[in-house]
PDB file of N, CA and C in Angstrom:
ATOM      1  N   MET A   1     158.768 115.389  93.333  1.00  0.00           N
ATOM      2  CA  MET A   1     158.576 116.669  93.987  1.00  0.00           C
ATOM      3  C   MET A   1     159.897 117.397  94.168  1.00  0.00           C
ATOM      4  N   VAL A   2     160.913 116.688  94.636  1.00  0.00           N
ATOM      5  CA  VAL A   2     162.220 117.309  94.834  1.00  0.00           C
ATOM      6  C   VAL A   2     162.786 117.777  93.509  1.00  0.00           C
ATOM      7  N   MET A   3     162.684 116.946  92.451  1.00  0.00           N
ATOM      8  CA  MET A   3     163.220 117.312  91.148  1.00  0.00           C
ATOM      9  C   MET A   3     162.543 118.562  90.615  1.00  0.00           C
ATOM     10  N   ALA A   4     161.231 118.677  90.763  1.00  0.00           N
ATOM     11  CA  ALA A   4     160.518 119.873  90.310  1.00  0.00           C
ATOM     12  C   ALA A   4     161.033 121.098  91.043  1.00  0.00           C
ATOM     13  N   SER A   5     161.294 120.971  92.317  1.00  0.00           N
ATOM     14  CA  SER A   5     161.826 122.083  93.098  1.00  0.00           C
ATOM     15  C   SER A   5     163.194 122.512  92.592  1.00  0.00           C
ATOM     16  N   VAL A   6     164.029 121.517  92.247  1.00  0.00           N
ATOM     17  CA  VAL A   6     165.368 121.816  91.730  1.00  0.00           C
ATOM     18  C   VAL A   6     165.270 122.540  90.396  1.00  0.00           C
ATOM     19  N   VAL A   7     164.375 122.096  89.526  1.00  0.00           N
ATOM     20  CA  VAL A   7     164.195 122.732  88.222  1.00  0.00           C
ATOM     21  C   VAL A   7     163.743 124.169  88.390  1.00  0.00           C
ATOM     22  N   VAL A   8     162.805 124.426  89.284  1.00  0.00           N
ATOM     23  CA  VAL A   8     162.311 125.784  89.504  1.00  0.00           C
ATOM     24  C   VAL A   8     163.424 126.672  90.054  1.00  0.00           C
ATOM     25  N   ARG A   9     164.132 126.196  91.083  1.00  0.00           N
ATOM     26  CA  ARG A   9     165.191 127.016  91.682  1.00  0.00           C
ATOM     27  C   ARG A   9     166.343 127.264  90.712  1.00  0.00           C
ATOM     28  N   SER A  10     166.632 126.305  89.838  1.00  0.00           N
ATOM     29  CA  SER A  10     167.760 126.453  88.923  1.00  0.00           C
ATOM     30  C   SER A  10     167.449 127.394  87.765  1.00  0.00           C
ATOM     31  N   GLY A  11     166.175 127.604  87.511  1.00  0.00           N
ATOM     32  CA  GLY A  11     165.801 128.452  86.383  1.00  0.00           C
ATOM     33  C   GLY A  11     165.647 127.682  85.079  1.00  0.00           C
ATOM     34  N   LEU A  12     165.789 126.349  85.120  1.00  0.00           N
ATOM     35  CA  LEU A  12     165.659 125.558  83.896  1.00  0.00           C
ATOM     36  C   LEU A  12     164.287 125.694  83.252  1.00  0.00           C
ATOM     37  N   TRP A  13     163.283 126.018  84.043  1.00  0.00           N
ATOM     38  CA  TRP A  13     161.939 126.173  83.494  1.00  0.00           C
ATOM     39  C   TRP A  13     161.904 127.248  82.417  1.00  0.00           C
ATOM     40  N   ARG A  14     162.834 128.199  82.461  1.00  0.00           N
ATOM     41  CA  ARG A  14     162.844 129.277  81.458  1.00  0.00           C
ATOM     42  C   ARG A  14     163.113 128.751  80.057  1.00  0.00           C
ATOM     43  N   VAL A  15     163.824 127.613  79.978  1.00  0.00           N
ATOM     44  CA  VAL A  15     164.105 127.019  78.674  1.00  0.00           C
ATOM     45  C   VAL A  15     162.800 126.721  77.948  1.00  0.00           C
ATOM     46  N   MET A  16     161.787 126.282  78.680  1.00  0.00           N
ATOM     47  CA  MET A  16     160.490 125.974  78.054  1.00  0.00           C
ATOM     48  C   MET A  16     159.872 127.201  77.408  1.00  0.00           C
ATOM     49  N   LEU A  17     160.181 128.387  77.923  1.00  0.00           N
ATOM     50  CA  LEU A  17     159.578 129.607  77.395  1.00  0.00           C
ATOM     51  C   LEU A  17     160.246 130.070  76.109  1.00  0.00           C
ATOM     52  N   VAL A  18     161.500 129.718  75.896  1.00  0.00           N
ATOM     53  CA  VAL A  18     162.230 130.229  74.736  1.00  0.00           C
ATOM     54  C   VAL A  18     162.583 129.160  73.713  1.00  0.00           C
ATOM     55  N   ALA A  19     162.602 127.905  74.123  1.00  0.00           N
ATOM     56  CA  ALA A  19     162.979 126.827  73.208  1.00  0.00           C
ATOM     57  C   ALA A  19     161.738 126.218  72.560  1.00  0.00           C
ATOM     58  N   PRO A  20     161.836 125.897  71.280  1.00  0.00           N
ATOM     59  CA  PRO A  20     160.716 125.199  70.637  1.00  0.00           C
ATOM     60  C   PRO A  20     160.501 123.842  71.305  1.00  0.00           C
ATOM     61  N   PRO A  21     159.279 123.302  71.232  1.00  0.00           N
ATOM     62  CA  PRO A  21     158.987 122.017  71.878  1.00  0.00           C
ATOM     63  C   PRO A  21     159.938 120.887  71.487  1.00  0.00           C
ATOM     64  N   ALA A  22     160.369 120.848  70.234  1.00  0.00           N
ATOM     65  CA  ALA A  22     161.281 119.780  69.796  1.00  0.00           C
ATOM     66  C   ALA A  22     162.616 119.862  70.540  1.00  0.00           C
ATOM     67  N   VAL A  23     163.089 121.070  70.789  1.00  0.00           N
ATOM     68  CA  VAL A  23     164.340 121.255  71.523  1.00  0.00           C
ATOM     69  C   VAL A  23     164.147 120.841  72.976  1.00  0.00           C
ATOM     70  N   TRP A  24     163.035 121.233  73.559  1.00  0.00           N
ATOM     71  CA  TRP A  24     162.753 120.861  74.952  1.00  0.00           C
ATOM     72  C   TRP A  24     162.651 119.348  75.085  1.00  0.00           C
ATOM     73  N   TRP A  25     161.981 118.698  74.120  1.00  0.00           N
ATOM     74  CA  TRP A  25     161.860 117.244  74.148  1.00  0.00           C
ATOM     75  C   TRP A  25     163.233 116.587  74.064  1.00  0.00           C
ATOM     76  N   ARG A  26     164.087 117.066  73.149  1.00  0.00           N
ATOM     77  CA  ARG A  26     165.423 116.491  72.974  1.00  0.00           C
ATOM     78  C   ARG A  26     166.268 116.696  74.224  1.00  0.00           C
ATOM     79  N   LEU A  27     166.182 117.867  74.834  1.00  0.00           N
ATOM     80  CA  LEU A  27     166.914 118.144  76.072  1.00  0.00           C
ATOM     81  C   LEU A  27     166.439 117.226  77.193  1.00  0.00           C
ATOM     82  N   SER A  28     165.137 117.060  77.303  1.00  0.00           N
ATOM     83  CA  SER A  28     164.578 116.186  78.327  1.00  0.00           C
ATOM     84  C   SER A  28     164.989 114.729  78.104  1.00  0.00           C
ATOM     85  N   ALA A  29     164.943 114.278  76.860  1.00  0.00           N
ATOM     86  CA  ALA A  29     165.339 112.903  76.540  1.00  0.00           C
ATOM     87  C   ALA A  29     166.823 112.698  76.809  1.00  0.00           C
ATOM     88  N   HIS A  30     167.641 113.696  76.481  1.00  0.00           N
ATOM     89  CA  HIS A  30     169.084 113.615  76.771  1.00  0.00           C
ATOM     90  C   HIS A  30     169.306 113.476  78.273  1.00  0.00           C
ATOM     91  N   GLU A  31     168.621 114.303  79.044  1.00  0.00           N
ATOM     92  CA  GLU A  31     168.780 114.284  80.502  1.00  0.00           C
ATOM     93  C   GLU A  31     168.393 112.921  81.084  1.00  0.00           C
ATOM     94  N   ASP A  32     167.317 112.339  80.586  1.00  0.00           N
ATOM     95  CA  ASP A  32     166.892 111.022  81.065  1.00  0.00           C
ATOM     96  C   ASP A  32     167.977 109.975  80.832  1.00  0.00           C
ATOM     97  N   VAL A  33     168.534 109.940  79.630  1.00  0.00           N
ATOM     98  CA  VAL A  33     169.568 108.951  79.300  1.00  0.00           C
ATOM     99  C   VAL A  33     170.847 109.234  80.083  1.00  0.00           C
ATOM    100  N   ALA A  34     171.235 110.503  80.169  1.00  0.00           N
ATOM    101  CA  ALA A  34     172.469 110.862  80.882  1.00  0.00           C
ATOM    102  C   ALA A  34     172.381 110.473  82.354  1.00  0.00           C
ATOM    103  N   MET A  35     171.253 110.731  82.982  1.00  0.00           N
ATOM    104  CA  MET A  35     171.110 110.362  84.394  1.00  0.00           C
ATOM    105  C   MET A  35     171.030 108.853  84.578  1.00  0.00           C
ATOM    106  N   ALA A  36     170.530 108.143  83.582  1.00  0.00           N
ATOM    107  CA  ALA A  36     170.531 106.680  83.660  1.00  0.00           C
ATOM    108  C   ALA A  36     171.965 106.148  83.667  1.00  0.00           C
ATOM    109  N   ARG A  37     172.891 106.875  83.046  1.00  0.00           N
ATOM    110  CA  ARG A  37     174.307 106.479  83.078  1.00  0.00           C
ATOM    111  C   ARG A  37     174.926 106.787  84.438  1.00  0.00           C
ATOM    112  N   VAL A  38     174.413 107.782  85.134  1.00  0.00           N
ATOM    113  CA  VAL A  38     174.950 108.196  86.443  1.00  0.00           C
ATOM    114  C   VAL A  38     174.445 107.283  87.565  1.00  0.00           C
ATOM    115  N   ARG A  39     173.168 106.927  87.527  1.00  0.00           N
ATOM    116  CA  ARG A  39     172.527 106.216  88.645  1.00  0.00           C
ATOM    117  C   ARG A  39     173.268 104.982  89.158  1.00  0.00           C
ATOM    118  N   PRO A  40     173.877 104.151  88.308  1.00  0.00           N
ATOM    119  CA  PRO A  40     174.574 102.973  88.845  1.00  0.00           C
ATOM    120  C   PRO A  40     175.717 103.313  89.804  1.00  0.00           C
ATOM    121  N   PHE A  41     176.212 104.535  89.754  1.00  0.00           N
ATOM    122  CA  PHE A  41     177.335 104.940  90.596  1.00  0.00           C
ATOM    123  C   PHE A  41     176.888 105.684  91.852  1.00  0.00           C
ATOM    124  N   LEU A  42     175.573 105.843  92.010  1.00  0.00           N
ATOM    125  CA  LEU A  42     175.023 106.518  93.178  1.00  0.00           C
ATOM    126  C   LEU A  42     174.549 105.480  94.188  1.00  0.00           C
ATOM    127  N   GLY A  43     175.421 105.123  95.080  1.00  0.00           N
ATOM    128  CA  GLY A  43     175.076 104.148  96.099  1.00  0.00           C
ATOM    129  C   GLY A  43     175.022 104.792  97.469  1.00  0.00           C
ATOM    130  N   GLN A  44     174.984 103.937  98.468  1.00  0.00           N
ATOM    131  CA  GLN A  44     174.991 104.398  99.863  1.00  0.00           C
ATOM    132  C   GLN A  44     176.207 105.300 100.082  1.00  0.00           C
ATOM    133  N   GLY A  45     175.997 106.465 100.631  1.00  0.00           N
ATOM    134  CA  GLY A  45     177.092 107.371 100.954  1.00  0.00           C
ATOM    135  C   GLY A  45     177.610 108.198  99.795  1.00  0.00           C
ATOM    136  N   SER A  46     176.885 108.195  98.667  1.00  0.00           N
ATOM    137  CA  SER A  46     177.345 108.988  97.527  1.00  0.00           C
ATOM    138  C   SER A  46     176.427 110.183  97.293  1.00  0.00           C
ATOM    139  N   VAL A  47     176.987 111.191  96.670  1.00  0.00           N
ATOM    140  CA  VAL A  47     176.252 112.407  96.357  1.00  0.00           C
ATOM    141  C   VAL A  47     176.528 112.771  94.901  1.00  0.00           C
ATOM    142  N   TYR A  48     175.541 113.367  94.235  1.00  0.00           N
ATOM    143  CA  TYR A  48     175.674 113.782  92.844  1.00  0.00           C
ATOM    144  C   TYR A  48     175.882 115.286  92.800  1.00  0.00           C
ATOM    145  N   LEU A  49     176.992 115.712  92.228  1.00  0.00           N
ATOM    146  CA  LEU A  49     177.284 117.132  92.066  1.00  0.00           C
ATOM    147  C   LEU A  49     176.742 117.549  90.704  1.00  0.00           C
ATOM    148  N   ALA A  50     175.606 118.233  90.726  1.00  0.00           N
ATOM    149  CA  ALA A  50     174.891 118.548  89.488  1.00  0.00           C
ATOM    150  C   ALA A  50     175.525 119.691  88.703  1.00  0.00           C
ATOM    151  N   THR A  51     175.964 120.724  89.359  1.00  0.00           N
ATOM    152  CA  THR A  51     176.461 121.895  88.642  1.00  0.00           C
ATOM    153  C   THR A  51     177.656 122.499  89.357  1.00  0.00           C
ATOM    154  N   LEU A  52     178.658 122.820  88.582  1.00  0.00           N
ATOM    155  CA  LEU A  52     179.821 123.541  89.090  1.00  0.00           C
ATOM    156  C   LEU A  52     180.296 124.414  87.945  1.00  0.00           C
ATOM    157  N   GLY A  53     180.406 125.670  88.174  1.00  0.00           N
ATOM    158  CA  GLY A  53     180.827 126.543  87.085  1.00  0.00           C
ATOM    159  C   GLY A  53     181.471 127.816  87.561  1.00  0.00           C
ATOM    160  N   VAL A  54     182.245 128.390  86.669  1.00  0.00           N
ATOM    161  CA  VAL A  54     182.930 129.653  86.912  1.00  0.00           C
ATOM    162  C   VAL A  54     182.620 130.566  85.730  1.00  0.00           C
ATOM    163  N   GLU A  55     182.421 131.819  85.998  1.00  0.00           N
ATOM    164  CA  GLU A  55     182.209 132.809  84.946  1.00  0.00           C
ATOM    165  C   GLU A  55     183.333 132.654  83.904  1.00  0.00           C
ATOM    166  N   PRO A  56     182.971 132.485  82.633  1.00  0.00           N
ATOM    167  CA  PRO A  56     183.995 132.245  81.606  1.00  0.00           C
ATOM    168  C   PRO A  56     185.139 133.264  81.596  1.00  0.00           C
ATOM    169  N   SER A  57     184.851 134.512  81.879  1.00  0.00           N
ATOM    170  CA  SER A  57     185.919 135.522  81.865  1.00  0.00           C
ATOM    171  C   SER A  57     186.919 135.322  82.998  1.00  0.00           C
ATOM    172  N   LEU A  58     186.557 134.499  84.003  1.00  0.00           N
ATOM    173  CA  LEU A  58     187.450 134.230  85.137  1.00  0.00           C
ATOM    174  C   LEU A  58     188.124 132.861  85.038  1.00  0.00           C
ATOM    175  N   ALA A  59     187.860 132.144  83.951  1.00  0.00           N
ATOM    176  CA  ALA A  59     188.416 130.795  83.778  1.00  0.00           C
ATOM    177  C   ALA A  59     189.943 130.847  83.687  1.00  0.00           C
ATOM    178  N   GLY A  60     190.563 129.748  84.115  1.00  0.00           N
ATOM    179  CA  GLY A  60     192.017 129.626  84.008  1.00  0.00           C
ATOM    180  C   GLY A  60     192.794 130.288  85.124  1.00  0.00           C
ATOM    181  N   ARG A  61     192.124 130.731  86.157  1.00  0.00           N
ATOM    182  CA  ARG A  61     192.797 131.419  87.271  1.00  0.00           C
ATOM    183  C   ARG A  61     192.765 130.612  88.563  1.00  0.00           C
ATOM    184  N   GLY A  62     192.315 129.363  88.484  1.00  0.00           N
ATOM    185  CA  GLY A  62     192.280 128.505  89.662  1.00  0.00           C
ATOM    186  C   GLY A  62     191.001 128.583  90.472  1.00  0.00           C
ATOM    187  N   HIS A  63     190.071 129.422  90.053  1.00  0.00           N
ATOM    188  CA  HIS A  63     188.821 129.563  90.810  1.00  0.00           C
ATOM    189  C   HIS A  63     188.023 128.260  90.818  1.00  0.00           C
ATOM    190  N   GLY A  64     187.943 127.586  89.673  1.00  0.00           N
ATOM    191  CA  GLY A  64     187.186 126.345  89.584  1.00  0.00           C
ATOM    192  C   GLY A  64     187.772 125.256  90.475  1.00  0.00           C
ATOM    193  N   GLY A  65     189.089 125.143  90.486  1.00  0.00           N
ATOM    194  CA  GLY A  65     189.748 124.150  91.336  1.00  0.00           C
ATOM    195  C   GLY A  65     189.506 124.416  92.809  1.00  0.00           C
ATOM    196  N   ARG A  66     189.612 125.680  93.195  1.00  0.00           N
ATOM    197  CA  ARG A  66     189.359 126.031  94.607  1.00  0.00           C
ATOM    198  C   ARG A  66     187.898 125.786  94.969  1.00  0.00           C
ATOM    199  N   LEU A  67     186.999 126.128  94.061  1.00  0.00           N
ATOM    200  CA  LEU A  67     185.566 125.894  94.300  1.00  0.00           C
ATOM    201  C   LEU A  67     185.288 124.402  94.453  1.00  0.00           C
ATOM    202  N   LEU A  68     185.861 123.592  93.564  1.00  0.00           N
ATOM    203  CA  LEU A  68     185.647 122.151  93.635  1.00  0.00           C
ATOM    204  C   LEU A  68     186.233 121.571  94.929  1.00  0.00           C
ATOM    205  N   GLN A  69     187.434 121.969  95.299  1.00  0.00           N
ATOM    206  CA  GLN A  69     188.042 121.438  96.522  1.00  0.00           C
ATOM    207  C   GLN A  69     187.238 121.836  97.756  1.00  0.00           C
ATOM    208  N   ARG A  70     186.775 123.067  97.797  1.00  0.00           N
ATOM    209  CA  ARG A  70     185.947 123.509  98.929  1.00  0.00           C
ATOM    210  C   ARG A  70     184.635 122.725  98.963  1.00  0.00           C
ATOM    211  N   THR A  71     184.054 122.513  97.798  1.00  0.00           N
ATOM    212  CA  THR A  71     182.813 121.735  97.717  1.00  0.00           C
ATOM    213  C   THR A  71     183.039 120.322  98.226  1.00  0.00           C
ATOM    214  N   LEU A  72     184.125 119.683  97.809  1.00  0.00           N
ATOM    215  CA  LEU A  72     184.424 118.322  98.261  1.00  0.00           C
ATOM    216  C   LEU A  72     184.660 118.272  99.761  1.00  0.00           C
ATOM    217  N   THR A  73     185.293 119.299 100.300  1.00  0.00           N
ATOM    218  CA  THR A  73     185.519 119.357 101.750  1.00  0.00           C
ATOM    219  C   THR A  73     184.190 119.407 102.493  1.00  0.00           C
ATOM    220  N   VAL A  74     183.274 120.242 102.026  1.00  0.00           N
ATOM    221  CA  VAL A  74     181.961 120.345 102.664  1.00  0.00           C
ATOM    222  C   VAL A  74     181.181 119.033 102.497  1.00  0.00           C
ATOM    223  N   LEU A  75     181.203 118.474 101.300  1.00  0.00           N
ATOM    224  CA  LEU A  75     180.475 117.228 101.053  1.00  0.00           C
ATOM    225  C   LEU A  75     181.003 116.078 101.913  1.00  0.00           C
ATOM    226  N   SER A  76     182.300 116.097 102.182  1.00  0.00           N
ATOM    227  CA  SER A  76     182.911 114.999 102.943  1.00  0.00           C
ATOM    228  C   SER A  76     182.395 114.901 104.373  1.00  0.00           C
ATOM    229  N   GLN A  77     181.757 115.947 104.851  1.00  0.00           N
ATOM    230  CA  GLN A  77     181.205 115.911 106.199  1.00  0.00           C
ATOM    231  C   GLN A  77     180.005 114.974 106.277  1.00  0.00           C
ATOM    232  N   ARG A  78     179.437 114.631 105.118  1.00  0.00           N
ATOM    233  CA  ARG A  78     178.254 113.765 105.114  1.00  0.00           C
ATOM    234  C   ARG A  78     178.363 112.592 104.145  1.00  0.00           C
ATOM    235  N   TRP A  79     179.122 112.755 103.086  1.00  0.00           N
ATOM    236  CA  TRP A  79     179.170 111.772 102.006  1.00  0.00           C
ATOM    237  C   TRP A  79     180.580 111.217 101.846  1.00  0.00           C
ATOM    238  N   THR A  80     180.688 109.986 101.311  1.00  0.00           N
ATOM    239  CA  THR A  80     182.002 109.386 101.089  1.00  0.00           C
ATOM    240  C   THR A  80     182.440 109.431  99.634  1.00  0.00           C
ATOM    241  N   THR A  81     181.490 109.541  98.725  1.00  0.00           N
ATOM    242  CA  THR A  81     181.808 109.543  97.295  1.00  0.00           C
ATOM    243  C   THR A  81     181.032 110.653  96.603  1.00  0.00           C
ATOM    244  N   CYS A  82     181.700 111.314  95.683  1.00  0.00           N
ATOM    245  CA  CYS A  82     181.062 112.362  94.876  1.00  0.00           C
ATOM    246  C   CYS A  82     181.059 111.896  93.424  1.00  0.00           C
ATOM    247  N   VAL A  83     179.888 111.935  92.808  1.00  0.00           N
ATOM    248  CA  VAL A  83     179.720 111.548  91.411  1.00  0.00           C
ATOM    249  C   VAL A  83     179.270 112.783  90.641  1.00  0.00           C
ATOM    250  N   LEU A  84     179.805 112.967  89.450  1.00  0.00           N
ATOM    251  CA  LEU A  84     179.385 114.076  88.593  1.00  0.00           C
ATOM    252  C   LEU A  84     179.442 113.628  87.155  1.00  0.00           C
ATOM    253  N   ARG A  85     178.844 114.432  86.300  1.00  0.00           N
ATOM    254  CA  ARG A  85     178.914 114.147  84.874  1.00  0.00           C
ATOM    255  C   ARG A  85     179.175 115.434  84.122  1.00  0.00           C
ATOM    256  N   THR A  86     179.725 115.273  82.942  1.00  0.00           N
ATOM    257  CA  THR A  86     179.926 116.407  82.060  1.00  0.00           C
ATOM    258  C   THR A  86     179.660 115.965  80.630  1.00  0.00           C
ATOM    259  N   GLU A  87     179.180 116.880  79.836  1.00  0.00           N
ATOM    260  CA  GLU A  87     179.007 116.640  78.412  1.00  0.00           C
ATOM    261  C   GLU A  87     180.156 117.271  77.633  1.00  0.00           C
ATOM    262  N   GLN A  88     181.121 117.826  78.352  1.00  0.00           N
ATOM    263  CA  GLN A  88     182.249 118.513  77.732  1.00  0.00           C
ATOM    264  C   GLN A  88     183.533 117.707  77.928  1.00  0.00           C
ATOM    265  N   PRO A  89     184.003 116.984  76.914  1.00  0.00           N
ATOM    266  CA  PRO A  89     185.239 116.212  77.058  1.00  0.00           C
ATOM    267  C   PRO A  89     186.430 117.058  77.515  1.00  0.00           C
ATOM    268  N   ARG A  90     186.437 118.350  77.191  1.00  0.00           N
ATOM    269  CA  ARG A  90     187.553 119.211  77.609  1.00  0.00           C
ATOM    270  C   ARG A  90     187.631 119.353  79.133  1.00  0.00           C
ATOM    271  N   ASN A  91     186.536 119.016  79.845  1.00  0.00           N
ATOM    272  CA  ASN A  91     186.538 119.099  81.310  1.00  0.00           C
ATOM    273  C   ASN A  91     187.190 117.883  81.966  1.00  0.00           C
ATOM    274  N   ALA A  92     187.425 116.814  81.212  1.00  0.00           N
ATOM    275  CA  ALA A  92     187.948 115.568  81.788  1.00  0.00           C
ATOM    276  C   ALA A  92     189.272 115.781  82.507  1.00  0.00           C
ATOM    277  N   ALA A  93     190.200 116.503  81.902  1.00  0.00           N
ATOM    278  CA  ALA A  93     191.511 116.723  82.529  1.00  0.00           C
ATOM    279  C   ALA A  93     191.371 117.471  83.853  1.00  0.00           C
ATOM    280  N   PHE A  94     190.459 118.428  83.904  1.00  0.00           N
ATOM    281  CA  PHE A  94     190.225 119.183  85.143  1.00  0.00           C
ATOM    282  C   PHE A  94     189.762 118.252  86.259  1.00  0.00           C
ATOM    283  N   TYR A  95     188.776 117.410  85.970  1.00  0.00           N
ATOM    284  CA  TYR A  95     188.259 116.513  87.004  1.00  0.00           C
ATOM    285  C   TYR A  95     189.299 115.483  87.421  1.00  0.00           C
ATOM    286  N   ARG A  96     190.061 114.963  86.469  1.00  0.00           N
ATOM    287  CA  ARG A  96     191.135 114.014  86.815  1.00  0.00           C
ATOM    288  C   ARG A  96     192.173 114.679  87.713  1.00  0.00           C
ATOM    289  N   LYS A  97     192.516 115.901  87.396  1.00  0.00           N
ATOM    290  CA  LYS A  97     193.503 116.647  88.192  1.00  0.00           C
ATOM    291  C   LYS A  97     193.057 116.774  89.646  1.00  0.00           C
ATOM    292  N   HIS A  98     191.760 116.799  89.859  1.00  0.00           N
ATOM    293  CA  HIS A  98     191.212 116.976  91.204  1.00  0.00           C
ATOM    294  C   HIS A  98     190.740 115.659  91.831  1.00  0.00           C
ATOM    295  N   GLY A  99     191.291 114.552  91.341  1.00  0.00           N
ATOM    296  CA  GLY A  99     191.085 113.275  91.995  1.00  0.00           C
ATOM    297  C   GLY A  99     189.919 112.439  91.512  1.00  0.00           C
ATOM    298  N   PHE A 100     189.260 112.853  90.455  1.00  0.00           N
ATOM    299  CA  PHE A 100     188.139 112.093  89.931  1.00  0.00           C
ATOM    300  C   PHE A 100     188.623 111.047  88.928  1.00  0.00           C
ATOM    301  N   THR A 101     187.893 109.942  88.867  1.00  0.00           N
ATOM    302  CA  THR A 101     188.175 108.862  87.931  1.00  0.00           C
ATOM    303  C   THR A 101     187.000 108.730  86.974  1.00  0.00           C
ATOM    304  N   LEU A 102     187.287 108.608  85.701  1.00  0.00           N
ATOM    305  CA  LEU A 102     186.239 108.386  84.712  1.00  0.00           C
ATOM    306  C   LEU A 102     185.692 106.977  84.911  1.00  0.00           C
ATOM    307  N   VAL A 103     184.389 106.862  85.194  1.00  0.00           N
ATOM    308  CA  VAL A 103     183.786 105.555  85.457  1.00  0.00           C
ATOM    309  C   VAL A 103     182.819 105.120  84.351  1.00  0.00           C
ATOM    310  N   ASP A 104     182.436 106.043  83.471  1.00  0.00           N
ATOM    311  CA  ASP A 104     181.546 105.685  82.377  1.00  0.00           C
ATOM    312  C   ASP A 104     181.638 106.768  81.308  1.00  0.00           C
ATOM    313  N   GLU A 105     181.575 106.339  80.064  1.00  0.00           N
ATOM    314  CA  GLU A 105     181.597 107.278  78.943  1.00  0.00           C
ATOM    315  C   GLU A 105     180.695 106.724  77.853  1.00  0.00           C
ATOM    316  N   SER A 106     179.822 107.577  77.333  1.00  0.00           N
ATOM    317  CA  SER A 106     178.918 107.145  76.279  1.00  0.00           C
ATOM    318  C   SER A 106     178.486 108.362  75.464  1.00  0.00           C
ATOM    319  N   VAL A 107     177.757 108.102  74.400  1.00  0.00           N
ATOM    320  CA  VAL A 107     177.152 109.161  73.591  1.00  0.00           C
ATOM    321  C   VAL A 107     175.645 108.926  73.626  1.00  0.00           C
ATOM    322  N   VAL A 108     174.904 109.971  73.924  1.00  0.00           N
ATOM    323  CA  VAL A 108     173.447 109.873  73.976  1.00  0.00           C
ATOM    324  C   VAL A 108     172.922 109.964  72.543  1.00  0.00           C
ATOM    325  N   PRO A 109     172.271 108.909  72.056  1.00  0.00           N
ATOM    326  CA  PRO A 109     171.816 108.902  70.655  1.00  0.00           C
ATOM    327  C   PRO A 109     170.899 110.066  70.283  1.00  0.00           C
ATOM    328  N   VAL A 110     169.963 110.428  71.144  1.00  0.00           N
ATOM    329  CA  VAL A 110     168.981 111.460  70.790  1.00  0.00           C
ATOM    330  C   VAL A 110     169.617 112.842  70.629  1.00  0.00           C
ATOM    331  N   SER A 111     170.716 113.103  71.351  1.00  0.00           N
ATOM    332  CA  SER A 111     171.353 114.419  71.269  1.00  0.00           C
ATOM    333  C   SER A 111     172.688 114.387  70.535  1.00  0.00           C
ATOM    334  N   GLY A 112     173.313 113.216  70.481  1.00  0.00           N
ATOM    335  CA  GLY A 112     174.643 113.124  69.879  1.00  0.00           C
ATOM    336  C   GLY A 112     175.740 113.634  70.794  1.00  0.00           C
ATOM    337  N   LEU A 113     175.378 113.985  72.034  1.00  0.00           N
ATOM    338  CA  LEU A 113     176.366 114.521  72.979  1.00  0.00           C
ATOM    339  C   LEU A 113     177.019 113.416  73.792  1.00  0.00           C
ATOM    340  N   PRO A 114     178.309 113.590  74.085  1.00  0.00           N
ATOM    341  CA  PRO A 114     178.965 112.633  74.961  1.00  0.00           C
ATOM    342  C   PRO A 114     178.533 112.866  76.406  1.00  0.00           C
ATOM    343  N   VAL A 115     178.559 111.807  77.192  1.00  0.00           N
ATOM    344  CA  VAL A 115     178.318 111.897  78.630  1.00  0.00           C
ATOM    345  C   VAL A 115     179.472 111.187  79.308  1.00  0.00           C
ATOM    346  N   LEU A 116     180.215 111.936  80.112  1.00  0.00           N
ATOM    347  CA  LEU A 116     181.327 111.376  80.869  1.00  0.00           C
ATOM    348  C   LEU A 116     180.947 111.428  82.337  1.00  0.00           C
ATOM    349  N   VAL A 117     181.003 110.290  83.006  1.00  0.00           N
ATOM    350  CA  VAL A 117     180.649 110.202  84.420  1.00  0.00           C
ATOM    351  C   VAL A 117     181.929 109.982  85.210  1.00  0.00           C
ATOM    352  N   PHE A 118     182.123 110.798  86.244  1.00  0.00           N
ATOM    353  CA  PHE A 118     183.314 110.737  87.091  1.00  0.00           C
ATOM    354  C   PHE A 118     182.908 110.462  88.530  1.00  0.00           C
ATOM    355  N   SER A 119     183.816 109.847  89.261  1.00  0.00           N
ATOM    356  CA  SER A 119     183.586 109.569  90.675  1.00  0.00           C
ATOM    357  C   SER A 119     184.872 109.846  91.439  1.00  0.00           C
ATOM    358  N   ALA A 120     184.728 110.338  92.664  1.00  0.00           N
ATOM    359  CA  ALA A 120     185.881 110.573  93.536  1.00  0.00           C
ATOM    360  C   ALA A 120     185.476 110.325  94.972  1.00  0.00           C
ATOM    361  N   PHE A 121     186.424 109.853  95.752  1.00  0.00           N
ATOM    362  CA  PHE A 121     186.201 109.743  97.180  1.00  0.00           C
ATOM    363  C   PHE A 121     186.397 111.116  97.772  1.00  0.00           C
ATOM    364  N   THR A 122     185.498 111.516  98.635  1.00  0.00           N
ATOM    365  CA  THR A 122     185.649 112.811  99.295  1.00  0.00           C
ATOM    366  C   THR A 122     186.616 112.648 100.452  1.00  0.00           C
ATOM    367  N   PRO A 123     187.471 113.644 100.688  1.00  0.00           N
ATOM    368  CA  PRO A 123     188.404 113.540 101.814  1.00  0.00           C
ATOM    369  C   PRO A 123     187.638 113.503 103.129  1.00  0.00           C
ATOM    370  N   GLN A 124     187.939 112.549 103.963  1.00  0.00           N
ATOM    371  CA  GLN A 124     187.224 112.399 105.225  1.00  0.00           C
ATOM    372  C   GLN A 124     187.869 113.248 106.317  1.00  0.00           C
ATOM    373  N   PRO A 125     187.059 113.927 107.119  1.00  0.00           N
ATOM    374  CA  PRO A 125     187.600 114.735 108.195  1.00  0.00           C
ATOM    375  C   PRO A 125     188.324 113.848 109.215  1.00  0.00           C
ATOM    376  N   ALA A 126     189.385 114.383 109.778  1.00  0.00           N
ATOM    377  CA  ALA A 126     190.146 113.656 110.800  1.00  0.00           C
ATOM    378  C   ALA A 126     189.283 113.481 112.045  1.00  0.00           C
ATOM    379  N   GLY A 127     189.485 112.363 112.705  1.00  0.00           N
ATOM    380  CA  GLY A 127     188.776 112.191 113.971  1.00  0.00           C
ATOM    381  C   GLY A 127     188.085 110.958 114.011  1.00  0.00           C
TER     382      GLY A 127
END
């Protein structure tokens, strides 16, 4: 139920309207395998950061780093570890720069895409 709500709010359902069924099936199969790589790192006190992005025309100006740091600050009020994944190897340096450690790397056979899973401890509030 929660996952369906996330899909509706994110707008992912629109992909079904424009993508042929084979593409939708491949995307769904990729997502299943990619999340299976993430789940072992989601334990007590951890949170999964599903999406983080900056308008491409604004990239390279520090907006993504500030957004990520602010997100980690907010998450730290409730969670101790933040886990995320990316299919873009070029994002690895960005996540490492912001304190994330690569904990798993694989290629999803059905899509041929890499999946890199990162984990970081969220800064804990003083007190």
